[in-house]
Amino acid sequence: MVNYKIIKGNLLTDEEKEILTRLLGEYCDKIDLFLKKYILEVHIKEYDREGKRKRYCLISKIKVPKLMFETEVMGWDFKVVIHKAMKKLLKEMKHKFKK
């Protein structure tokens, strides 16, 4: 079951979309350990598209009843940005459910 929603995914190339869906699928498996019903929203922004390199901003939110987790990560390497954002979300959830 797909628990994520990609916003502004049309900015990405086909290779970047494939990387994003693969990594989100892996991290959704980890999130399933903490939450059963959730929606992961991933909002993608790109900066400096005219130059040789793109700078990515990934805003990710997990919405569940009565709770919301949110992170924002910026960087030059797309894979690193995804990993940082998802690890931050997992860390927030571990902190919240530790008590």
PDB file of N, CA and C in Angstrom:
ATOM      1  N   MET A   1       0.843  -1.182   0.000  1.00  0.00           N
ATOM      2  CA  MET A   1       0.000   0.000   0.000  1.00  0.00           C
ATOM      3  C   MET A   1       0.886   1.241   0.000  1.00  0.00           C
ATOM      4  N   VAL A   2       0.563   2.182  -0.859  1.00  0.00           N
ATOM      5  CA  VAL A   2       1.349   3.416  -0.963  1.00  0.00           C
ATOM      6  C   VAL A   2       0.849   4.398   0.089  1.00  0.00           C
ATOM      7  N   ASN A   3       1.736   4.769   0.995  1.00  0.00           N
ATOM      8  CA  ASN A   3       1.389   5.686   2.069  1.00  0.00           C
ATOM      9  C   ASN A   3       1.994   7.057   1.869  1.00  0.00           C
ATOM     10  N   TYR A   4       2.526   7.338   0.694  1.00  0.00           N
ATOM     11  CA  TYR A   4       3.147   8.633   0.477  1.00  0.00           C
ATOM     12  C   TYR A   4       2.532   9.342  -0.717  1.00  0.00           C
ATOM     13  N   LYS A   5       2.675  10.666  -0.672  1.00  0.00           N
ATOM     14  CA  LYS A   5       2.146  11.526  -1.728  1.00  0.00           C
ATOM     15  C   LYS A   5       3.251  12.512  -2.089  1.00  0.00           C
ATOM     16  N   ILE A   6       3.601  12.561  -3.372  1.00  0.00           N
ATOM     17  CA  ILE A   6       4.674  13.433  -3.832  1.00  0.00           C
ATOM     18  C   ILE A   6       4.056  14.688  -4.432  1.00  0.00           C
ATOM     19  N   ILE A   7       4.440  15.840  -3.895  1.00  0.00           N
ATOM     20  CA  ILE A   7       3.930  17.119  -4.373  1.00  0.00           C
ATOM     21  C   ILE A   7       5.019  17.787  -5.209  1.00  0.00           C
ATOM     22  N   LYS A   8       4.690  18.277  -6.354  1.00  0.00           N
ATOM     23  CA  LYS A   8       5.601  18.905  -7.318  1.00  0.00           C
ATOM     24  C   LYS A   8       6.637  17.908  -7.831  1.00  0.00           C
ATOM     25  N   GLY A   9       6.216  16.683  -8.046  1.00  0.00           N
ATOM     26  CA  GLY A   9       7.100  15.657  -8.567  1.00  0.00           C
ATOM     27  C   GLY A   9       7.416  15.843 -10.036  1.00  0.00           C
ATOM     28  N   ASN A  10       6.657  16.720 -10.702  1.00  0.00           N
ATOM     29  CA  ASN A  10       6.902  16.955 -12.134  1.00  0.00           C
ATOM     30  C   ASN A  10       8.200  17.723 -12.377  1.00  0.00           C
ATOM     31  N   LEU A  11       8.809  18.285 -11.344  1.00  0.00           N
ATOM     32  CA  LEU A  11      10.080  18.989 -11.495  1.00  0.00           C
ATOM     33  C   LEU A  11      11.246  18.024 -11.664  1.00  0.00           C
ATOM     34  N   LEU A  12      11.042  16.769 -11.269  1.00  0.00           N
ATOM     35  CA  LEU A  12      12.127  15.794 -11.262  1.00  0.00           C
ATOM     36  C   LEU A  12      12.258  15.081 -12.606  1.00  0.00           C
ATOM     37  N   THR A  13      13.464  14.591 -12.870  1.00  0.00           N
ATOM     38  CA  THR A  13      13.686  13.755 -14.044  1.00  0.00           C
ATOM     39  C   THR A  13      13.188  12.338 -13.730  1.00  0.00           C
ATOM     40  N   ASP A  14      13.141  11.495 -14.752  1.00  0.00           N
ATOM     41  CA  ASP A  14      12.672  10.127 -14.544  1.00  0.00           C
ATOM     42  C   ASP A  14      13.580   9.358 -13.587  1.00  0.00           C
ATOM     43  N   GLU A  15      14.874   9.580 -13.681  1.00  0.00           N
ATOM     44  CA  GLU A  15      15.827   8.910 -12.803  1.00  0.00           C
ATOM     45  C   GLU A  15      15.621   9.348 -11.355  1.00  0.00           C
ATOM     46  N   GLU A  16      15.398  10.648 -11.149  1.00  0.00           N
ATOM     47  CA  GLU A  16      15.179  11.159  -9.796  1.00  0.00           C
ATOM     48  C   GLU A  16      13.860  10.641  -9.222  1.00  0.00           C
ATOM     49  N   LYS A  17      12.830  10.532 -10.060  1.00  0.00           N
ATOM     50  CA  LYS A  17      11.551   9.988  -9.596  1.00  0.00           C
ATOM     51  C   LYS A  17      11.699   8.538  -9.149  1.00  0.00           C
ATOM     52  N   GLU A  18      12.470   7.772  -9.920  1.00  0.00           N
ATOM     53  CA  GLU A  18      12.696   6.375  -9.576  1.00  0.00           C
ATOM     54  C   GLU A  18      13.436   6.249  -8.247  1.00  0.00           C
ATOM     55  N   ILE A  19      14.456   7.075  -8.055  1.00  0.00           N
ATOM     56  CA  ILE A  19      15.216   7.077  -6.795  1.00  0.00           C
ATOM     57  C   ILE A  19      14.296   7.443  -5.636  1.00  0.00           C
ATOM     58  N   LEU A  20      13.474   8.466  -5.829  1.00  0.00           N
ATOM     59  CA  LEU A  20      12.587   8.938  -4.768  1.00  0.00           C
ATOM     60  C   LEU A  20      11.575   7.863  -4.382  1.00  0.00           C
ATOM     61  N   THR A  21      10.927   7.241  -5.344  1.00  0.00           N
ATOM     62  CA  THR A  21       9.922   6.225  -5.022  1.00  0.00           C
ATOM     63  C   THR A  21      10.557   5.011  -4.352  1.00  0.00           C
ATOM     64  N   ARG A  22      11.747   4.617  -4.786  1.00  0.00           N
ATOM     65  CA  ARG A  22      12.418   3.467  -4.178  1.00  0.00           C
ATOM     66  C   ARG A  22      12.773   3.755  -2.721  1.00  0.00           C
ATOM     67  N   LEU A  23      13.369   4.936  -2.476  1.00  0.00           N
ATOM     68  CA  LEU A  23      13.777   5.275  -1.108  1.00  0.00           C
ATOM     69  C   LEU A  23      12.569   5.510  -0.196  1.00  0.00           C
ATOM     70  N   LEU A  24      11.516   6.135  -0.717  1.00  0.00           N
ATOM     71  CA  LEU A  24      10.323   6.345   0.104  1.00  0.00           C
ATOM     72  C   LEU A  24       9.677   5.022   0.467  1.00  0.00           C
ATOM     73  N   GLY A  25       9.691   4.070  -0.457  1.00  0.00           N
ATOM     74  CA  GLY A  25       9.157   2.745  -0.150  1.00  0.00           C
ATOM     75  C   GLY A  25       9.919   2.072   0.976  1.00  0.00           C
ATOM     76  N   GLU A  26      11.250   2.192   0.950  1.00  0.00           N
ATOM     77  CA  GLU A  26      12.071   1.605   2.008  1.00  0.00           C
ATOM     78  C   GLU A  26      11.796   2.265   3.359  1.00  0.00           C
ATOM     79  N   TYR A  27      11.695   3.588   3.355  1.00  0.00           N
ATOM     80  CA  TYR A  27      11.468   4.289   4.627  1.00  0.00           C
ATOM     81  C   TYR A  27      10.036   4.110   5.125  1.00  0.00           C
ATOM     82  N   CYS A  28       9.083   3.919   4.226  1.00  0.00           N
ATOM     83  CA  CYS A  28       7.705   3.663   4.671  1.00  0.00           C
ATOM     84  C   CYS A  28       7.627   2.340   5.427  1.00  0.00           C
ATOM     85  N   ASP A  29       8.438   1.365   5.032  1.00  0.00           N
ATOM     86  CA  ASP A  29       8.491   0.103   5.776  1.00  0.00           C
ATOM     87  C   ASP A  29       8.965   0.337   7.206  1.00  0.00           C
ATOM     88  N   LYS A  30       9.910   1.236   7.382  1.00  0.00           N
ATOM     89  CA  LYS A  30      10.412   1.549   8.724  1.00  0.00           C
ATOM     90  C   LYS A  30       9.383   2.349   9.523  1.00  0.00           C
ATOM     91  N   ILE A  31       8.665   3.245   8.852  1.00  0.00           N
ATOM     92  CA  ILE A  31       7.647   4.053   9.535  1.00  0.00           C
ATOM     93  C   ILE A  31       6.488   3.173   9.980  1.00  0.00           C
ATOM     94  N   ASP A  32       6.211   2.104   9.215  1.00  0.00           N
ATOM     95  CA  ASP A  32       5.123   1.185   9.564  1.00  0.00           C
ATOM     96  C   ASP A  32       5.327   0.543  10.941  1.00  0.00           C
ATOM     97  N   LEU A  33       6.547   0.480  11.412  1.00  0.00           N
ATOM     98  CA  LEU A  33       6.802  -0.076  12.737  1.00  0.00           C
ATOM     99  C   LEU A  33       6.230   0.807  13.835  1.00  0.00           C
ATOM    100  N   PHE A  34       6.129   2.117  13.582  1.00  0.00           N
ATOM    101  CA  PHE A  34       5.623   3.056  14.576  1.00  0.00           C
ATOM    102  C   PHE A  34       4.151   3.400  14.366  1.00  0.00           C
ATOM    103  N   LEU A  35       3.752   3.574  13.127  1.00  0.00           N
ATOM    104  CA  LEU A  35       2.410   4.049  12.814  1.00  0.00           C
ATOM    105  C   LEU A  35       1.705   3.087  11.863  1.00  0.00           C
ATOM    106  N   LYS A  36       0.410   2.965  12.003  1.00  0.00           N
ATOM    107  CA  LYS A  36      -0.353   2.087  11.115  1.00  0.00           C
ATOM    108  C   LYS A  36      -1.063   2.888  10.018  1.00  0.00           C
ATOM    109  N   LYS A  37      -1.765   3.922  10.398  1.00  0.00           N
ATOM    110  CA  LYS A  37      -2.486   4.749   9.424  1.00  0.00           C
ATOM    111  C   LYS A  37      -1.834   6.119   9.371  1.00  0.00           C
ATOM    112  N   TYR A  38      -1.200   6.402   8.279  1.00  0.00           N
ATOM    113  CA  TYR A  38      -0.524   7.688   8.131  1.00  0.00           C
ATOM    114  C   TYR A  38      -0.441   8.043   6.653  1.00  0.00           C
ATOM    115  N   ILE A  39      -0.153   9.305   6.398  1.00  0.00           N
ATOM    116  CA  ILE A  39       0.107   9.791   5.047  1.00  0.00           C
ATOM    117  C   ILE A  39       1.403  10.592   5.102  1.00  0.00           C
ATOM    118  N   LEU A  40       2.363  10.190   4.296  1.00  0.00           N
ATOM    119  CA  LEU A  40       3.637  10.888   4.199  1.00  0.00           C
ATOM    120  C   LEU A  40       3.578  11.795   2.982  1.00  0.00           C
ATOM    121  N   GLU A  41       3.624  13.098   3.212  1.00  0.00           N
ATOM    122  CA  GLU A  41       3.639  14.069   2.115  1.00  0.00           C
ATOM    123  C   GLU A  41       5.058  14.561   1.906  1.00  0.00           C
ATOM    124  N   VAL A  42       5.511  14.508   0.663  1.00  0.00           N
ATOM    125  CA  VAL A  42       6.851  14.958   0.320  1.00  0.00           C
ATOM    126  C   VAL A  42       6.715  16.084  -0.691  1.00  0.00           C
ATOM    127  N   HIS A  43       7.139  17.269  -0.287  1.00  0.00           N
ATOM    128  CA  HIS A  43       7.069  18.456  -1.139  1.00  0.00           C
ATOM    129  C   HIS A  43       8.484  18.773  -1.618  1.00  0.00           C
ATOM    130  N   ILE A  44       8.655  18.849  -2.927  1.00  0.00           N
ATOM    131  CA  ILE A  44       9.978  19.034  -3.506  1.00  0.00           C
ATOM    132  C   ILE A  44      10.086  20.422  -4.119  1.00  0.00           C
ATOM    133  N   LYS A  45      11.173  21.101  -3.798  1.00  0.00           N
ATOM    134  CA  LYS A  45      11.482  22.397  -4.406  1.00  0.00           C
ATOM    135  C   LYS A  45      12.880  22.324  -4.978  1.00  0.00           C
ATOM    136  N   GLU A  46      13.076  23.007  -6.089  1.00  0.00           N
ATOM    137  CA  GLU A  46      14.403  23.065  -6.699  1.00  0.00           C
ATOM    138  C   GLU A  46      14.824  24.522  -6.807  1.00  0.00           C
ATOM    139  N   TYR A  47      16.092  24.757  -6.557  1.00  0.00           N
ATOM    140  CA  TYR A  47      16.652  26.096  -6.672  1.00  0.00           C
ATOM    141  C   TYR A  47      17.828  26.069  -7.638  1.00  0.00           C
ATOM    142  N   ASP A  48      18.098  27.178  -8.269  1.00  0.00           N
ATOM    143  CA  ASP A  48      19.245  27.335  -9.171  1.00  0.00           C
ATOM    144  C   ASP A  48      19.206  26.314 -10.309  1.00  0.00           C
ATOM    145  N   ARG A  49      18.058  26.250 -11.007  1.00  0.00           N
ATOM    146  CA  ARG A  49      17.893  25.286 -12.087  1.00  0.00           C
ATOM    147  C   ARG A  49      18.659  25.674 -13.346  1.00  0.00           C
ATOM    148  N   GLU A  50      18.990  26.936 -13.518  1.00  0.00           N
ATOM    149  CA  GLU A  50      19.662  27.381 -14.733  1.00  0.00           C
ATOM    150  C   GLU A  50      21.139  27.010 -14.742  1.00  0.00           C
ATOM    151  N   GLY A  51      21.729  26.839 -13.601  1.00  0.00           N
ATOM    152  CA  GLY A  51      23.150  26.514 -13.511  1.00  0.00           C
ATOM    153  C   GLY A  51      23.425  25.052 -13.801  1.00  0.00           C
ATOM    154  N   LYS A  52      24.632  24.629 -13.516  1.00  0.00           N
ATOM    155  CA  LYS A  52      25.020  23.242 -13.767  1.00  0.00           C
ATOM    156  C   LYS A  52      24.445  22.289 -12.714  1.00  0.00           C
ATOM    157  N   ARG A  53      24.275  22.777 -11.497  1.00  0.00           N
ATOM    158  CA  ARG A  53      23.779  21.947 -10.418  1.00  0.00           C
ATOM    159  C   ARG A  53      22.455  22.483  -9.908  1.00  0.00           C
ATOM    160  N   LYS A  54      21.635  21.584  -9.374  1.00  0.00           N
ATOM    161  CA  LYS A  54      20.373  21.976  -8.759  1.00  0.00           C
ATOM    162  C   LYS A  54      20.510  21.822  -7.245  1.00  0.00           C
ATOM    163  N   ARG A  55      19.869  22.707  -6.533  1.00  0.00           N
ATOM    164  CA  ARG A  55      19.805  22.589  -5.083  1.00  0.00           C
ATOM    165  C   ARG A  55      18.392  22.155  -4.736  1.00  0.00           C
ATOM    166  N   TYR A  56      18.280  21.124  -3.940  1.00  0.00           N
ATOM    167  CA  TYR A  56      16.983  20.548  -3.606  1.00  0.00           C
ATOM    168  C   TYR A  56      16.574  20.930  -2.196  1.00  0.00           C
ATOM    169  N   CYS A  57      15.282  21.151  -2.043  1.00  0.00           N
ATOM    170  CA  CYS A  57      14.683  21.352  -0.727  1.00  0.00           C
ATOM    171  C   CYS A  57      13.554  20.333  -0.615  1.00  0.00           C
ATOM    172  N   LEU A  58      13.600  19.508   0.402  1.00  0.00           N
ATOM    173  CA  LEU A  58      12.606  18.463   0.586  1.00  0.00           C
ATOM    174  C   LEU A  58      11.904  18.711   1.913  1.00  0.00           C
ATOM    175  N   ILE A  59      10.615  18.981   1.839  1.00  0.00           N
ATOM    176  CA  ILE A  59       9.799  19.177   3.034  1.00  0.00           C
ATOM    177  C   ILE A  59       8.915  17.947   3.167  1.00  0.00           C
ATOM    178  N   SER A  60       9.057  17.249   4.257  1.00  0.00           N
ATOM    179  CA  SER A  60       8.278  16.025   4.450  1.00  0.00           C
ATOM    180  C   SER A  60       7.433  16.140   5.709  1.00  0.00           C
ATOM    181  N   LYS A  61       6.195  15.657   5.596  1.00  0.00           N
ATOM    182  CA  LYS A  61       5.249  15.710   6.705  1.00  0.00           C
ATOM    183  C   LYS A  61       4.592  14.344   6.841  1.00  0.00           C
ATOM    184  N   ILE A  62       4.414  13.921   8.057  1.00  0.00           N
ATOM    185  CA  ILE A  62       3.625  12.730   8.341  1.00  0.00           C
ATOM    186  C   ILE A  62       2.416  13.192   9.126  1.00  0.00           C
ATOM    187  N   LYS A  63       1.256  12.886   8.575  1.00  0.00           N
ATOM    188  CA  LYS A  63       0.012  13.288   9.220  1.00  0.00           C
ATOM    189  C   LYS A  63      -0.712  12.054   9.733  1.00  0.00           C
ATOM    190  N   VAL A  64      -0.997  12.066  11.007  1.00  0.00           N
ATOM    191  CA  VAL A  64      -1.807  11.033  11.653  1.00  0.00           C
ATOM    192  C   VAL A  64      -2.810  11.759  12.534  1.00  0.00           C
ATOM    193  N   PRO A  65      -3.870  11.094  12.926  1.00  0.00           N
ATOM    194  CA  PRO A  65      -4.818  11.768  13.819  1.00  0.00           C
ATOM    195  C   PRO A  65      -4.140  12.246  15.105  1.00  0.00           C
ATOM    196  N   LYS A  66      -4.296  13.493  15.403  1.00  0.00           N
ATOM    197  CA  LYS A  66      -3.791  14.154  16.615  1.00  0.00           C
ATOM    198  C   LYS A  66      -2.281  14.359  16.640  1.00  0.00           C
ATOM    199  N   LEU A  67      -1.549  13.962  15.606  1.00  0.00           N
ATOM    200  CA  LEU A  67      -0.098  14.131  15.566  1.00  0.00           C
ATOM    201  C   LEU A  67       0.346  14.591  14.182  1.00  0.00           C
ATOM    202  N   MET A  68       1.475  15.287  14.153  1.00  0.00           N
ATOM    203  CA  MET A  68       2.075  15.656  12.880  1.00  0.00           C
ATOM    204  C   MET A  68       3.578  15.800  13.087  1.00  0.00           C
ATOM    205  N   PHE A  69       4.324  15.186  12.202  1.00  0.00           N
ATOM    206  CA  PHE A  69       5.781  15.276  12.211  1.00  0.00           C
ATOM    207  C   PHE A  69       6.196  15.970  10.924  1.00  0.00           C
ATOM    208  N   GLU A  70       7.152  16.905  11.025  1.00  0.00           N
ATOM    209  CA  GLU A  70       7.551  17.671   9.844  1.00  0.00           C
ATOM    210  C   GLU A  70       9.049  17.948   9.873  1.00  0.00           C
ATOM    211  N   THR A  71       9.686  17.840   8.692  1.00  0.00           N
ATOM    212  CA  THR A  71      11.098  18.172   8.553  1.00  0.00           C
ATOM    213  C   THR A  71      11.318  18.922   7.252  1.00  0.00           C
ATOM    214  N   GLU A  72      12.387  19.700   7.222  1.00  0.00           N
ATOM    215  CA  GLU A  72      12.791  20.412   6.007  1.00  0.00           C
ATOM    216  C   GLU A  72      14.305  20.292   5.882  1.00  0.00           C
ATOM    217  N   VAL A  73      14.748  19.789   4.730  1.00  0.00           N
ATOM    218  CA  VAL A  73      16.170  19.561   4.498  1.00  0.00           C
ATOM    219  C   VAL A  73      16.538  20.136   3.132  1.00  0.00           C
ATOM    220  N   MET A  74      17.694  20.803   3.066  1.00  0.00           N
ATOM    221  CA  MET A  74      18.196  21.347   1.803  1.00  0.00           C
ATOM    222  C   MET A  74      19.577  20.766   1.531  1.00  0.00           C
ATOM    223  N   GLY A  75      19.890  20.619   0.237  1.00  0.00           N
ATOM    224  CA  GLY A  75      21.203  20.120  -0.116  1.00  0.00           C
ATOM    225  C   GLY A  75      21.372  20.005  -1.613  1.00  0.00           C
ATOM    226  N   TRP A  76      22.583  19.648  -2.023  1.00  0.00           N
ATOM    227  CA  TRP A  76      22.920  19.562  -3.445  1.00  0.00           C
ATOM    228  C   TRP A  76      22.738  18.154  -4.001  1.00  0.00           C
ATOM    229  N   ASP A  77      22.949  17.141  -3.171  1.00  0.00           N
ATOM    230  CA  ASP A  77      22.838  15.754  -3.622  1.00  0.00           C
ATOM    231  C   ASP A  77      21.451  15.226  -3.279  1.00  0.00           C
ATOM    232  N   PHE A  78      20.714  14.770  -4.283  1.00  0.00           N
ATOM    233  CA  PHE A  78      19.312  14.379  -4.115  1.00  0.00           C
ATOM    234  C   PHE A  78      19.154  13.201  -3.158  1.00  0.00           C
ATOM    235  N   LYS A  79      19.977  12.173  -3.308  1.00  0.00           N
ATOM    236  CA  LYS A  79      19.871  11.002  -2.435  1.00  0.00           C
ATOM    237  C   LYS A  79      20.155  11.366  -0.980  1.00  0.00           C
ATOM    238  N   VAL A  80      21.149  12.185  -0.773  1.00  0.00           N
ATOM    239  CA  VAL A  80      21.509  12.588   0.596  1.00  0.00           C
ATOM    240  C   VAL A  80      20.374  13.384   1.233  1.00  0.00           C
ATOM    241  N   VAL A  81      19.735  14.245   0.455  1.00  0.00           N
ATOM    242  CA  VAL A  81      18.620  15.049   0.974  1.00  0.00           C
ATOM    243  C   VAL A  81      17.471  14.139   1.405  1.00  0.00           C
ATOM    244  N   ILE A  82      17.160  13.136   0.599  1.00  0.00           N
ATOM    245  CA  ILE A  82      16.076  12.211   0.947  1.00  0.00           C
ATOM    246  C   ILE A  82      16.424  11.448   2.224  1.00  0.00           C
ATOM    247  N   HIS A  83      17.634  10.910   2.290  1.00  0.00           N
ATOM    248  CA  HIS A  83      18.042  10.149   3.474  1.00  0.00           C
ATOM    249  C   HIS A  83      18.010  11.019   4.728  1.00  0.00           C
ATOM    250  N   LYS A  84      18.509  12.249   4.648  1.00  0.00           N
ATOM    251  CA  LYS A  84      18.515  13.137   5.819  1.00  0.00           C
ATOM    252  C   LYS A  84      17.098  13.438   6.296  1.00  0.00           C
ATOM    253  N   ALA A  85      16.199  13.730   5.351  1.00  0.00           N
ATOM    254  CA  ALA A  85      14.821  14.070   5.715  1.00  0.00           C
ATOM    255  C   ALA A  85      14.118  12.888   6.379  1.00  0.00           C
ATOM    256  N   MET A  86      14.271  11.707   5.810  1.00  0.00           N
ATOM    257  CA  MET A  86      13.594  10.538   6.364  1.00  0.00           C
ATOM    258  C   MET A  86      14.191  10.125   7.711  1.00  0.00           C
ATOM    259  N   LYS A  87      15.498  10.246   7.865  1.00  0.00           N
ATOM    260  CA  LYS A  87      16.116   9.912   9.151  1.00  0.00           C
ATOM    261  C   LYS A  87      15.682  10.891  10.234  1.00  0.00           C
ATOM    262  N   LYS A  88      15.503  12.166   9.864  1.00  0.00           N
ATOM    263  CA  LYS A  88      15.013  13.147  10.831  1.00  0.00           C
ATOM    264  C   LYS A  88      13.596  12.807  11.285  1.00  0.00           C
ATOM    265  N   LEU A  89      12.755  12.385  10.320  1.00  0.00           N
ATOM    266  CA  LEU A  89      11.384  12.003  10.677  1.00  0.00           C
ATOM    267  C   LEU A  89      11.386  10.790  11.600  1.00  0.00           C
ATOM    268  N   LEU A  90      12.194   9.798  11.280  1.00  0.00           N
ATOM    269  CA  LEU A  90      12.258   8.611  12.129  1.00  0.00           C
ATOM    270  C   LEU A  90      12.756   8.955  13.530  1.00  0.00           C
ATOM    271  N   LYS A  91      13.714   9.866  13.617  1.00  0.00           N
ATOM    272  CA  LYS A  91      14.235  10.278  14.922  1.00  0.00           C
ATOM    273  C   LYS A  91      13.156  10.982  15.742  1.00  0.00           C
ATOM    274  N   GLU A  92      12.356  11.831  15.086  1.00  0.00           N
ATOM    275  CA  GLU A  92      11.268  12.509  15.795  1.00  0.00           C
ATOM    276  C   GLU A  92      10.247  11.502  16.311  1.00  0.00           C
ATOM    277  N   MET A  93       9.931  10.506  15.478  1.00  0.00           N
ATOM    278  CA  MET A  93       8.943   9.501  15.899  1.00  0.00           C
ATOM    279  C   MET A  93       9.479   8.659  17.054  1.00  0.00           C
ATOM    280  N   LYS A  94      10.757   8.265  16.988  1.00  0.00           N
ATOM    281  CA  LYS A  94      11.350   7.490  18.079  1.00  0.00           C
ATOM    282  C   LYS A  94      11.321   8.280  19.375  1.00  0.00           C
ATOM    283  N   HIS A  95      11.592   9.573  19.279  1.00  0.00           N
ATOM    284  CA  HIS A  95      11.577  10.432  20.468  1.00  0.00           C
ATOM    285  C   HIS A  95      10.163  10.541  21.034  1.00  0.00           C
ATOM    286  N   LYS A  96       9.182  10.682  20.161  1.00  0.00           N
ATOM    287  CA  LYS A  96       7.796  10.846  20.605  1.00  0.00           C
ATOM    288  C   LYS A  96       7.257   9.565  21.253  1.00  0.00           C
ATOM    289  N   PHE A  97       7.550   8.426  20.656  1.00  0.00           N
ATOM    290  CA  PHE A  97       6.982   7.176  21.153  1.00  0.00           C
ATOM    291  C   PHE A  97       7.858   6.474  22.184  1.00  0.00           C
ATOM    292  N   LYS A  98       8.979   7.089  22.534  1.00  0.00           N
ATOM    293  CA  LYS A  98       9.867   6.508  23.536  1.00  0.00           C
ATOM    294  C   LYS A  98       9.235   6.551  24.923  1.00  0.00           C
ATOM    295  N   LYS A  99       8.463   7.578  25.185  1.00  0.00           N
ATOM    296  CA  LYS A  99       7.873   7.791  26.519  1.00  0.00           C
ATOM    297  C   LYS A  99       6.821   6.769  26.859  1.00  0.00           C
TER     298      LYS A  99
END
